Amino acid sequence: MIVTGGSRGIGRAVALLAAQRGWDVAISWRDDFAAGHDVLERIRGMGRRAVGVQADVADESQVIALFDTAEAELGGIDCAVVNAGMLSRAMPLAQMTRERMQRVIDVNVMGALLTAREAARRLKRPMDQPSASIVLLSSAAARLGGAGEYVDYAASKGAIDALNIGLSKELAPDNIRVNAVRPGLIETEIHASGGNPDRARLLAPGVPMARPGSAEEVAEAILWLASEQASYVTGTNLEVTGGR
């Protein structure tokens, strides 16, 4: 399994849970070398193989290098979790600079397209074998809109929803399932990137289940979609939102 953005948050939880479930795992990270290597050591401590590559998913050559390294070290790829993403400080769209919006689109949309493309090129297998899987990370923001805070981020996740629909149909004949997970308010470091580290807790009263979710709860959904337990599931968008 390849997990982009695997050094923290949901990506970290996915990588560790995958190792617990018997997967060998390759992860990427952009900046946090120490956090990435901590994840690798934890995976190896479970007796699984672990590969780490520093990569900006918005850079085509670095995405290709990630897949090349994972294939060489792990002997092949069965699942790609397209997780790497970002948001910037909360503000209305009218206040956003072009540079800020471009970076969000480069990472969240182009990065997802490049990662999914490399997976599409490498995961094809005969129909009489267990299916391969691509799991995309969308967000509840895609349907809520992110008004006054993250309209650019919400728009980028709307693109992921469209990618999920189209790519699942395109790759079904290649025995590759494509699904997305749409997390809601999840306790991860991403809220600090938006300038409000307590955002998930503060907005929790508006969630029907009255609490934020955990990265581990999202990881459970992703690992199910990656597994043969979801062998007839493709093109779906699984909500992990506490009913929000």
C-alpha atoms as a PDB file:
ATOM      1  CA  MET A   1       0.000   0.000   0.000  1.00  0.00           C
ATOM      2  CA  ILE A   2       1.082   3.546  -0.786  1.00  0.00           C
ATOM      3  CA  VAL A   3      -0.209   6.312   1.488  1.00  0.00           C
ATOM      4  CA  THR A   4       0.576   9.874   0.446  1.00  0.00           C
ATOM      5  CA  GLY A   5       0.850  12.318   3.317  1.00  0.00           C
ATOM      6  CA  GLY A   6       1.505   9.407   5.635  1.00  0.00           C
ATOM      7  CA  SER A   7       3.476  11.182   8.364  1.00  0.00           C
ATOM      8  CA  ARG A   8       0.588  12.723  10.289  1.00  0.00           C
ATOM      9  CA  GLY A   9      -3.165  12.866  10.762  1.00  0.00           C
ATOM     10  CA  ILE A  10      -5.353  10.524   8.745  1.00  0.00           C
ATOM     11  CA  GLY A  11      -2.453   9.331   6.583  1.00  0.00           C
ATOM     12  CA  ARG A  12      -0.461   8.276   9.641  1.00  0.00           C
ATOM     13  CA  ALA A  13      -3.464   6.451  11.085  1.00  0.00           C
ATOM     14  CA  VAL A  14      -4.011   4.637   7.773  1.00  0.00           C
ATOM     15  CA  ALA A  15      -0.372   3.578   7.483  1.00  0.00           C
ATOM     16  CA  LEU A  16      -0.262   2.198  11.030  1.00  0.00           C
ATOM     17  CA  LEU A  17      -3.606   0.410  10.797  1.00  0.00           C
ATOM     18  CA  ALA A  18      -2.620  -1.067   7.431  1.00  0.00           C
ATOM     19  CA  ALA A  19       0.539  -2.494   8.985  1.00  0.00           C
ATOM     20  CA  GLN A  20      -1.516  -3.972  11.819  1.00  0.00           C
ATOM     21  CA  ARG A  21      -3.737  -5.636   9.196  1.00  0.00           C
ATOM     22  CA  GLY A  22      -0.749  -7.212   7.420  1.00  0.00           C
ATOM     23  CA  TRP A  23       0.095  -4.680   4.701  1.00  0.00           C
ATOM     24  CA  ASP A  24       3.586  -3.569   3.763  1.00  0.00           C
ATOM     25  CA  VAL A  25       3.417   0.208   3.463  1.00  0.00           C
ATOM     26  CA  ALA A  26       5.123   3.017   1.553  1.00  0.00           C
ATOM     27  CA  ILE A  27       4.457   6.544   2.740  1.00  0.00           C
ATOM     28  CA  SER A  28       5.327   9.999   1.511  1.00  0.00           C
ATOM     29  CA  TRP A  29       5.668  13.288   3.349  1.00  0.00           C
ATOM     30  CA  ARG A  30       6.584  16.772   2.223  1.00  0.00           C
ATOM     31  CA  ASP A  31       8.340  18.438   5.185  1.00  0.00           C
ATOM     32  CA  ASP A  32       8.210  16.510   8.453  1.00  0.00           C
ATOM     33  CA  PHE A  33      11.114  14.078   8.136  1.00  0.00           C
ATOM     34  CA  ALA A  34      11.055  13.140  11.847  1.00  0.00           C
ATOM     35  CA  ALA A  35       7.335  12.333  11.853  1.00  0.00           C
ATOM     36  CA  GLY A  36       7.698  10.289   8.679  1.00  0.00           C
ATOM     37  CA  HIS A  37      10.513   8.220  10.108  1.00  0.00           C
ATOM     38  CA  ASP A  38       8.587   7.663  13.326  1.00  0.00           C
ATOM     39  CA  VAL A  39       5.781   6.086  11.273  1.00  0.00           C
ATOM     40  CA  LEU A  40       8.298   3.919   9.385  1.00  0.00           C
ATOM     41  CA  GLU A  41       9.852   2.658  12.604  1.00  0.00           C
ATOM     42  CA  ARG A  42       6.443   1.830  14.068  1.00  0.00           C
ATOM     43  CA  ILE A  43       5.525  -0.156  10.946  1.00  0.00           C
ATOM     44  CA  ARG A  44       8.801  -2.062  11.050  1.00  0.00           C
ATOM     45  CA  GLY A  45       8.201  -2.751  14.733  1.00  0.00           C
ATOM     46  CA  MET A  46       5.064  -4.637  13.671  1.00  0.00           C
ATOM     47  CA  GLY A  47       7.145  -6.861  11.428  1.00  0.00           C
ATOM     48  CA  ARG A  48       6.055  -5.259   8.151  1.00  0.00           C
ATOM     49  CA  ARG A  49       8.179  -3.676   5.432  1.00  0.00           C
ATOM     50  CA  ALA A  50       8.104   0.122   5.352  1.00  0.00           C
ATOM     51  CA  VAL A  51       9.320   2.558   2.686  1.00  0.00           C
ATOM     52  CA  GLY A  52       9.455   6.326   3.029  1.00  0.00           C
ATOM     53  CA  VAL A  53       9.923   8.946   0.324  1.00  0.00           C
ATOM     54  CA  GLN A  54       9.980  12.705   0.779  1.00  0.00           C
ATOM     55  CA  ALA A  55       7.721  14.001  -1.979  1.00  0.00           C
ATOM     56  CA  ASP A  56       5.560  16.987  -2.874  1.00  0.00           C
ATOM     57  CA  VAL A  57       2.567  15.444  -4.634  1.00  0.00           C
ATOM     58  CA  ALA A  58       2.184  18.573  -6.769  1.00  0.00           C
ATOM     59  CA  ASP A  59       5.503  17.687  -8.428  1.00  0.00           C
ATOM     60  CA  GLU A  60       5.072  15.041 -11.142  1.00  0.00           C
ATOM     61  CA  SER A  61       8.634  13.750 -10.959  1.00  0.00           C
ATOM     62  CA  GLN A  62       8.400  13.251  -7.207  1.00  0.00           C
ATOM     63  CA  VAL A  63       5.123  11.320  -7.478  1.00  0.00           C
ATOM     64  CA  ILE A  64       6.659   9.049 -10.114  1.00  0.00           C
ATOM     65  CA  ALA A  65       9.717   8.529  -7.881  1.00  0.00           C
ATOM     66  CA  LEU A  66       7.434   7.552  -4.987  1.00  0.00           C
ATOM     67  CA  PHE A  67       5.729   4.851  -7.051  1.00  0.00           C
ATOM     68  CA  ASP A  68       9.001   3.648  -8.570  1.00  0.00           C
ATOM     69  CA  THR A  69      10.561   3.293  -5.121  1.00  0.00           C
ATOM     70  CA  ALA A  70       7.513   1.561  -3.638  1.00  0.00           C
ATOM     71  CA  GLU A  71       7.378  -0.938  -6.502  1.00  0.00           C
ATOM     72  CA  ALA A  72      11.093  -1.670  -6.281  1.00  0.00           C
ATOM     73  CA  GLU A  73      11.160  -2.076  -2.497  1.00  0.00           C
ATOM     74  CA  LEU A  74       7.809  -3.827  -1.969  1.00  0.00           C
ATOM     75  CA  GLY A  75       7.629  -5.860  -5.170  1.00  0.00           C
ATOM     76  CA  GLY A  76       4.399  -4.306  -6.394  1.00  0.00           C
ATOM     77  CA  ILE A  77       1.459  -2.172  -5.302  1.00  0.00           C
ATOM     78  CA  ASP A  78      -2.058  -3.330  -4.484  1.00  0.00           C
ATOM     79  CA  CYS A  79      -3.566  -0.134  -3.065  1.00  0.00           C
ATOM     80  CA  ALA A  80      -2.943   3.601  -3.242  1.00  0.00           C
ATOM     81  CA  VAL A  81      -4.464   5.918  -0.645  1.00  0.00           C
ATOM     82  CA  VAL A  82      -4.564   9.412  -2.153  1.00  0.00           C
ATOM     83  CA  ASN A  83      -4.457  11.301   1.123  1.00  0.00           C
ATOM     84  CA  ALA A  84      -1.979  14.189   0.866  1.00  0.00           C
ATOM     85  CA  GLY A  85      -3.781  17.522   1.071  1.00  0.00           C
ATOM     86  CA  MET A  86      -3.674  20.980   2.591  1.00  0.00           C
ATOM     87  CA  LEU A  87      -5.654  24.039   3.531  1.00  0.00           C
ATOM     88  CA  SER A  88      -4.594  27.580   4.346  1.00  0.00           C
ATOM     89  CA  ARG A  89      -5.722  30.126   6.920  1.00  0.00           C
ATOM     90  CA  ALA A  90      -9.480  30.592   7.166  1.00  0.00           C
ATOM     91  CA  MET A  91     -10.810  33.658   5.294  1.00  0.00           C
ATOM     92  CA  PRO A  92     -13.509  34.605   2.765  1.00  0.00           C
ATOM     93  CA  LEU A  93     -12.719  34.001  -0.898  1.00  0.00           C
ATOM     94  CA  ALA A  94     -12.595  37.765  -1.566  1.00  0.00           C
ATOM     95  CA  GLN A  95      -9.497  38.002   0.646  1.00  0.00           C
ATOM     96  CA  MET A  96      -7.576  35.091  -0.848  1.00  0.00           C
ATOM     97  CA  THR A  97      -4.519  35.655  -3.000  1.00  0.00           C
ATOM     98  CA  ARG A  98      -4.039  33.853  -6.274  1.00  0.00           C
ATOM     99  CA  GLU A  99      -0.884  32.243  -4.880  1.00  0.00           C
ATOM    100  CA  ARG A 100      -2.776  30.735  -1.947  1.00  0.00           C
ATOM    101  CA  MET A 101      -5.558  29.368  -4.162  1.00  0.00           C
ATOM    102  CA  GLN A 102      -3.076  28.006  -6.693  1.00  0.00           C
ATOM    103  CA  ARG A 103      -1.174  26.084  -4.034  1.00  0.00           C
ATOM    104  CA  VAL A 104      -4.380  24.520  -2.664  1.00  0.00           C
ATOM    105  CA  ILE A 105      -5.376  23.419  -6.174  1.00  0.00           C
ATOM    106  CA  ASP A 106      -1.856  22.205  -7.003  1.00  0.00           C
ATOM    107  CA  VAL A 107      -1.687  19.961  -3.943  1.00  0.00           C
ATOM    108  CA  ASN A 108      -5.301  18.866  -3.515  1.00  0.00           C
ATOM    109  CA  VAL A 109      -6.334  18.489  -7.151  1.00  0.00           C
ATOM    110  CA  MET A 110      -3.234  18.135  -9.311  1.00  0.00           C
ATOM    111  CA  GLY A 111      -1.532  16.087  -6.603  1.00  0.00           C
ATOM    112  CA  ALA A 112      -4.515  13.730  -6.456  1.00  0.00           C
ATOM    113  CA  LEU A 113      -4.664  13.460 -10.246  1.00  0.00           C
ATOM    114  CA  LEU A 114      -0.956  12.674 -10.521  1.00  0.00           C
ATOM    115  CA  THR A 115      -1.121  10.097  -7.725  1.00  0.00           C
ATOM    116  CA  ALA A 116      -4.254   8.463  -9.131  1.00  0.00           C
ATOM    117  CA  ARG A 117      -2.712   8.438 -12.610  1.00  0.00           C
ATOM    118  CA  GLU A 118       0.381   6.587 -11.421  1.00  0.00           C
ATOM    119  CA  ALA A 119      -1.809   4.114  -9.561  1.00  0.00           C
ATOM    120  CA  ALA A 120      -3.941   3.604 -12.684  1.00  0.00           C
ATOM    121  CA  ARG A 121      -0.818   2.856 -14.706  1.00  0.00           C
ATOM    122  CA  ARG A 122       0.525   0.273 -12.255  1.00  0.00           C
ATOM    123  CA  LEU A 123      -2.345  -1.498 -10.465  1.00  0.00           C
ATOM    124  CA  LYS A 124      -4.049  -3.219 -13.418  1.00  0.00           C
ATOM    125  CA  ARG A 125      -4.530  -6.981 -13.002  1.00  0.00           C
ATOM    126  CA  PRO A 126      -6.544  -9.865 -14.481  1.00  0.00           C
ATOM    127  CA  MET A 127     -10.194 -10.071 -13.460  1.00  0.00           C
ATOM    128  CA  ASP A 128      -9.728 -13.501 -11.876  1.00  0.00           C
ATOM    129  CA  GLN A 129      -7.353 -12.038  -9.284  1.00  0.00           C
ATOM    130  CA  PRO A 130      -8.264 -10.007  -6.165  1.00  0.00           C
ATOM    131  CA  SER A 131      -8.941  -6.410  -7.148  1.00  0.00           C
ATOM    132  CA  ALA A 132      -6.586  -3.521  -6.609  1.00  0.00           C
ATOM    133  CA  SER A 133      -7.881  -0.405  -4.887  1.00  0.00           C
ATOM    134  CA  ILE A 134      -7.503   3.368  -5.021  1.00  0.00           C
ATOM    135  CA  VAL A 135      -8.983   5.293  -2.093  1.00  0.00           C
ATOM    136  CA  LEU A 136      -9.331   9.055  -2.477  1.00  0.00           C
ATOM    137  CA  LEU A 137      -9.658  11.490   0.421  1.00  0.00           C
ATOM    138  CA  SER A 138     -12.512  13.889  -0.144  1.00  0.00           C
ATOM    139  CA  SER A 139     -14.138  15.979   2.609  1.00  0.00           C
ATOM    140  CA  ALA A 140     -17.556  16.939   3.906  1.00  0.00           C
ATOM    141  CA  ALA A 141     -16.496  20.435   2.815  1.00  0.00           C
ATOM    142  CA  ALA A 142     -17.219  19.336  -0.768  1.00  0.00           C
ATOM    143  CA  ARG A 143     -20.962  19.409  -0.016  1.00  0.00           C
ATOM    144  CA  LEU A 144     -20.950  21.995   2.821  1.00  0.00           C
ATOM    145  CA  GLY A 145     -18.975  24.591   0.852  1.00  0.00           C
ATOM    146  CA  GLY A 146     -16.583  25.999   3.445  1.00  0.00           C
ATOM    147  CA  ALA A 147     -18.228  29.434   3.353  1.00  0.00           C
ATOM    148  CA  GLY A 148     -16.263  32.186   5.057  1.00  0.00           C
ATOM    149  CA  GLU A 149     -13.332  29.859   5.743  1.00  0.00           C
ATOM    150  CA  TYR A 150     -12.122  27.455   3.063  1.00  0.00           C
ATOM    151  CA  VAL A 151     -14.075  27.839  -0.162  1.00  0.00           C
ATOM    152  CA  ASP A 152     -10.926  27.025  -2.132  1.00  0.00           C
ATOM    153  CA  TYR A 153     -10.381  23.840  -0.119  1.00  0.00           C
ATOM    154  CA  ALA A 154     -14.039  22.849  -0.521  1.00  0.00           C
ATOM    155  CA  ALA A 155     -13.824  23.400  -4.273  1.00  0.00           C
ATOM    156  CA  SER A 156     -10.715  21.225  -4.445  1.00  0.00           C
ATOM    157  CA  LYS A 157     -12.522  18.409  -2.645  1.00  0.00           C
ATOM    158  CA  GLY A 158     -15.473  18.745  -5.007  1.00  0.00           C
ATOM    159  CA  ALA A 159     -12.986  17.884  -7.742  1.00  0.00           C
ATOM    160  CA  ILE A 160     -12.065  14.722  -5.822  1.00  0.00           C
ATOM    161  CA  ASP A 161     -15.721  13.675  -5.805  1.00  0.00           C
ATOM    162  CA  ALA A 162     -15.839  14.043  -9.595  1.00  0.00           C
ATOM    163  CA  LEU A 163     -12.558  12.150  -9.967  1.00  0.00           C
ATOM    164  CA  ASN A 164     -14.009   9.307  -7.919  1.00  0.00           C
ATOM    165  CA  ILE A 165     -17.050   8.970 -10.186  1.00  0.00           C
ATOM    166  CA  GLY A 166     -15.142   9.056 -13.454  1.00  0.00           C
ATOM    167  CA  LEU A 167     -12.083   7.048 -12.507  1.00  0.00           C
ATOM    168  CA  SER A 168     -14.101   4.244 -10.914  1.00  0.00           C
ATOM    169  CA  LYS A 169     -15.867   3.667 -14.233  1.00  0.00           C
ATOM    170  CA  GLU A 170     -12.669   4.027 -16.227  1.00  0.00           C
ATOM    171  CA  LEU A 171     -10.678   1.513 -14.198  1.00  0.00           C
ATOM    172  CA  ALA A 172     -13.321  -1.122 -13.438  1.00  0.00           C
ATOM    173  CA  PRO A 173     -12.350  -3.148 -16.553  1.00  0.00           C
ATOM    174  CA  ASP A 174      -8.757  -3.204 -15.217  1.00  0.00           C
ATOM    175  CA  ASN A 175      -9.899  -4.796 -11.923  1.00  0.00           C
ATOM    176  CA  ILE A 176      -9.121  -1.617  -9.996  1.00  0.00           C
ATOM    177  CA  ARG A 177     -11.750  -0.351  -7.591  1.00  0.00           C
ATOM    178  CA  VAL A 178     -11.875   3.403  -6.900  1.00  0.00           C
ATOM    179  CA  ASN A 179     -13.682   4.876  -3.908  1.00  0.00           C
ATOM    180  CA  ALA A 180     -13.544   7.988  -1.771  1.00  0.00           C
ATOM    181  CA  VAL A 181     -13.921   8.722   1.916  1.00  0.00           C
ATOM    182  CA  ARG A 182     -15.476  11.997   2.994  1.00  0.00           C
ATOM    183  CA  PRO A 183     -14.353  12.861   6.550  1.00  0.00           C
ATOM    184  CA  GLY A 184     -16.180  15.475   8.591  1.00  0.00           C
ATOM    185  CA  LEU A 185     -14.832  17.224  11.678  1.00  0.00           C
ATOM    186  CA  ILE A 186     -11.793  15.130  12.542  1.00  0.00           C
ATOM    187  CA  GLU A 187      -9.247  15.858  15.266  1.00  0.00           C
ATOM    188  CA  THR A 188      -6.054  16.290  13.235  1.00  0.00           C
ATOM    189  CA  GLU A 189      -3.289  18.852  12.821  1.00  0.00           C
ATOM    190  CA  ILE A 190      -4.888  20.271   9.662  1.00  0.00           C
ATOM    191  CA  HIS A 191      -7.032  22.667  11.701  1.00  0.00           C
ATOM    192  CA  ALA A 192      -3.906  24.368  13.031  1.00  0.00           C
ATOM    193  CA  SER A 193      -2.900  25.007   9.419  1.00  0.00           C
ATOM    194  CA  GLY A 194      -6.109  26.988   9.072  1.00  0.00           C
ATOM    195  CA  GLY A 195      -5.305  29.054  12.154  1.00  0.00           C
ATOM    196  CA  ASN A 196      -7.803  27.375  14.509  1.00  0.00           C
ATOM    197  CA  PRO A 197      -6.380  24.267  16.180  1.00  0.00           C
ATOM    198  CA  ASP A 198      -9.516  23.897  18.339  1.00  0.00           C
ATOM    199  CA  ARG A 199     -11.929  24.073  15.402  1.00  0.00           C
ATOM    200  CA  ALA A 200     -13.089  20.443  15.562  1.00  0.00           C
ATOM    201  CA  ARG A 201     -13.898  20.699  19.263  1.00  0.00           C
ATOM    202  CA  LEU A 202     -15.602  24.093  18.945  1.00  0.00           C
ATOM    203  CA  LEU A 203     -17.874  22.945  16.095  1.00  0.00           C
ATOM    204  CA  ALA A 204     -18.649  19.561  17.645  1.00  0.00           C
ATOM    205  CA  PRO A 205     -22.025  20.705  19.113  1.00  0.00           C
ATOM    206  CA  GLY A 206     -23.280  21.045  15.523  1.00  0.00           C
ATOM    207  CA  VAL A 207     -22.544  17.388  14.793  1.00  0.00           C
ATOM    208  CA  PRO A 208     -25.477  15.008  15.445  1.00  0.00           C
ATOM    209  CA  MET A 209     -23.129  12.687  17.339  1.00  0.00           C
ATOM    210  CA  ALA A 210     -21.934  15.752  19.330  1.00  0.00           C
ATOM    211  CA  ARG A 211     -18.216  15.052  18.993  1.00  0.00           C
ATOM    212  CA  PRO A 212     -15.400  15.256  16.479  1.00  0.00           C
ATOM    213  CA  GLY A 213     -14.140  12.069  14.877  1.00  0.00           C
ATOM    214  CA  SER A 214     -10.670  10.590  15.140  1.00  0.00           C
ATOM    215  CA  ALA A 215      -8.126   9.860  12.442  1.00  0.00           C
ATOM    216  CA  GLU A 216      -8.344   6.207  13.454  1.00  0.00           C
ATOM    217  CA  GLU A 217     -12.078   6.121  12.724  1.00  0.00           C
ATOM    218  CA  VAL A 218     -11.443   7.445   9.219  1.00  0.00           C
ATOM    219  CA  ALA A 219      -8.635   4.923   8.779  1.00  0.00           C
ATOM    220  CA  GLU A 220     -11.032   2.075   9.541  1.00  0.00           C
ATOM    221  CA  ALA A 221     -13.258   3.166   6.649  1.00  0.00           C
ATOM    222  CA  ILE A 222     -10.280   3.464   4.298  1.00  0.00           C
ATOM    223  CA  LEU A 223      -8.915   0.039   5.220  1.00  0.00           C
ATOM    224  CA  TRP A 224     -12.325  -1.518   4.607  1.00  0.00           C
ATOM    225  CA  LEU A 225     -12.491   0.020   1.128  1.00  0.00           C
ATOM    226  CA  ALA A 226      -8.959  -1.196   0.453  1.00  0.00           C
ATOM    227  CA  SER A 227      -9.792  -4.752   1.490  1.00  0.00           C
ATOM    228  CA  GLU A 228     -11.465  -7.620  -0.347  1.00  0.00           C
ATOM    229  CA  GLN A 229     -14.363  -7.210   2.082  1.00  0.00           C
ATOM    230  CA  ALA A 230     -15.335  -4.326  -0.234  1.00  0.00           C
ATOM    231  CA  SER A 231     -14.779  -6.373  -3.389  1.00  0.00           C
ATOM    232  CA  TYR A 232     -18.026  -5.224  -5.063  1.00  0.00           C
ATOM    233  CA  VAL A 233     -17.756  -1.591  -3.961  1.00  0.00           C
ATOM    234  CA  THR A 234     -16.514   0.998  -6.446  1.00  0.00           C
ATOM    235  CA  GLY A 235     -17.452   4.587  -7.229  1.00  0.00           C
ATOM    236  CA  THR A 236     -18.858   5.204  -3.757  1.00  0.00           C
ATOM    237  CA  ASN A 237     -18.160   8.105  -1.406  1.00  0.00           C
ATOM    238  CA  LEU A 238     -18.229   6.904   2.185  1.00  0.00           C
ATOM    239  CA  GLU A 239     -19.263   9.536   4.735  1.00  0.00           C
ATOM    240  CA  VAL A 240     -17.371   9.536   8.048  1.00  0.00           C
ATOM    241  CA  THR A 241     -19.015  12.621   9.495  1.00  0.00           C
ATOM    242  CA  GLY A 242     -20.936  11.687  12.640  1.00  0.00           C
ATOM    243  CA  GLY A 243     -24.119  12.533  10.726  1.00  0.00           C
ATOM    244  CA  ARG A 244     -23.079  16.086   9.869  1.00  0.00           C
END
